[in-house]
């Protein structure tokens, strides 16, 4: 009886663990979004300005977590 419980527990842990790995990697379809899809009302210039405001122009150092 004890062997069955231990076997069931180990099997459950492995199945749930592998399921989480597969779920985390996903098919990619939900993570494939573009900047234009997130902000359809913006034109190219507005999107570029938003990107620069969030990420900086490359010459300046912007803190990663943006906490002031």
C-alpha atoms as a PDB file:
ATOM      1  CA  UNK A   1       0.000   0.000   0.000  1.00  0.00           C
ATOM      2  CA  UNK A   2       2.824   2.368   0.888  1.00  0.00           C
ATOM      3  CA  UNK A   3       4.557   1.649  -2.432  1.00  0.00           C
ATOM      4  CA  UNK A   4       1.410   2.593  -4.352  1.00  0.00           C
ATOM      5  CA  UNK A   5       1.103   5.920  -2.528  1.00  0.00           C
ATOM      6  CA  UNK A   6       4.776   6.764  -3.075  1.00  0.00           C
ATOM      7  CA  UNK A   7       4.565   5.741  -6.750  1.00  0.00           C
ATOM      8  CA  UNK A   8       1.434   7.842  -7.226  1.00  0.00           C
ATOM      9  CA  UNK A   9       3.056  10.844  -5.542  1.00  0.00           C
ATOM     10  CA  UNK A  10       6.219  10.624  -7.641  1.00  0.00           C
ATOM     11  CA  UNK A  11       4.216  10.156 -10.848  1.00  0.00           C
ATOM     12  CA  UNK A  12       1.978  13.098 -10.000  1.00  0.00           C
ATOM     13  CA  UNK A  13       4.955  15.350  -9.308  1.00  0.00           C
ATOM     14  CA  UNK A  14       6.615  14.377 -12.586  1.00  0.00           C
ATOM     15  CA  UNK A  15       3.445  14.846 -14.644  1.00  0.00           C
ATOM     16  CA  UNK A  16       2.650  18.221 -13.083  1.00  0.00           C
ATOM     17  CA  UNK A  17       6.253  19.365 -13.396  1.00  0.00           C
ATOM     18  CA  UNK A  18       6.506  18.422 -17.064  1.00  0.00           C
ATOM     19  CA  UNK A  19       3.083  19.947 -17.697  1.00  0.00           C
ATOM     20  CA  UNK A  20       4.287  23.241 -16.248  1.00  0.00           C
ATOM     21  CA  UNK A  21       7.379  23.205 -18.460  1.00  0.00           C
ATOM     22  CA  UNK A  22       5.285  22.631 -21.581  1.00  0.00           C
ATOM     23  CA  UNK A  23       2.791  25.307 -20.531  1.00  0.00           C
ATOM     24  CA  UNK A  24       5.552  27.818 -19.784  1.00  0.00           C
ATOM     25  CA  UNK A  25       7.134  27.366 -23.209  1.00  0.00           C
ATOM     26  CA  UNK A  26       3.751  27.412 -24.924  1.00  0.00           C
ATOM     27  CA  UNK A  27       3.129  27.545 -28.625  1.00  0.00           C
ATOM     28  CA  UNK A  28       4.271  31.125 -28.875  1.00  0.00           C
ATOM     29  CA  UNK A  29       0.992  32.351 -30.319  1.00  0.00           C
ATOM     30  CA  UNK A  30      -0.029  34.238 -27.173  1.00  0.00           C
ATOM     31  CA  UNK A  31       3.381  35.875 -26.811  1.00  0.00           C
ATOM     32  CA  UNK A  32       3.675  36.932 -30.441  1.00  0.00           C
ATOM     33  CA  UNK A  33       2.405  40.507 -30.233  1.00  0.00           C
ATOM     34  CA  UNK A  34       3.767  43.546 -31.871  1.00  0.00           C
ATOM     35  CA  UNK A  35       4.016  47.133 -30.717  1.00  0.00           C
ATOM     36  CA  UNK A  36       1.431  48.074 -33.353  1.00  0.00           C
ATOM     37  CA  UNK A  37      -1.043  45.536 -31.991  1.00  0.00           C
ATOM     38  CA  UNK A  38      -0.637  46.898 -28.477  1.00  0.00           C
ATOM     39  CA  UNK A  39      -1.086  50.529 -29.604  1.00  0.00           C
ATOM     40  CA  UNK A  40      -3.114  50.504 -32.850  1.00  0.00           C
ATOM     41  CA  UNK A  41      -4.119  54.168 -32.490  1.00  0.00           C
ATOM     42  CA  UNK A  42      -0.513  55.419 -32.611  1.00  0.00           C
ATOM     43  CA  UNK A  43       1.374  56.394 -35.750  1.00  0.00           C
ATOM     44  CA  UNK A  44       5.048  55.499 -36.359  1.00  0.00           C
ATOM     45  CA  UNK A  45       6.390  58.728 -34.868  1.00  0.00           C
ATOM     46  CA  UNK A  46       4.339  58.350 -31.672  1.00  0.00           C
ATOM     47  CA  UNK A  47       5.464  54.730 -31.274  1.00  0.00           C
ATOM     48  CA  UNK A  48       9.099  55.727 -31.748  1.00  0.00           C
ATOM     49  CA  UNK A  49       8.732  58.463 -29.113  1.00  0.00           C
ATOM     50  CA  UNK A  50       7.093  56.025 -26.674  1.00  0.00           C
ATOM     51  CA  UNK A  51       9.896  53.525 -27.262  1.00  0.00           C
ATOM     52  CA  UNK A  52      12.550  56.204 -26.690  1.00  0.00           C
ATOM     53  CA  UNK A  53      10.791  57.378 -23.519  1.00  0.00           C
ATOM     54  CA  UNK A  54      10.725  53.818 -22.157  1.00  0.00           C
ATOM     55  CA  UNK A  55      14.154  52.593 -23.313  1.00  0.00           C
ATOM     56  CA  UNK A  56      16.249  55.698 -23.828  1.00  0.00           C
ATOM     57  CA  UNK A  57      18.103  56.744 -26.941  1.00  0.00           C
ATOM     58  CA  UNK A  58      21.054  54.419 -26.386  1.00  0.00           C
ATOM     59  CA  UNK A  59      23.450  57.098 -25.138  1.00  0.00           C
ATOM     60  CA  UNK A  60      21.772  57.576 -21.802  1.00  0.00           C
ATOM     61  CA  UNK A  61      21.522  55.093 -18.971  1.00  0.00           C
ATOM     62  CA  UNK A  62      17.964  54.224 -17.958  1.00  0.00           C
ATOM     63  CA  UNK A  63      17.415  52.159 -14.806  1.00  0.00           C
ATOM     64  CA  UNK A  64      15.857  48.797 -15.559  1.00  0.00           C
ATOM     65  CA  UNK A  65      13.117  48.984 -12.920  1.00  0.00           C
ATOM     66  CA  UNK A  66      12.510  52.735 -13.423  1.00  0.00           C
ATOM     67  CA  UNK A  67      12.080  53.425  -9.721  1.00  0.00           C
ATOM     68  CA  UNK A  68      12.625  56.986  -8.632  1.00  0.00           C
END
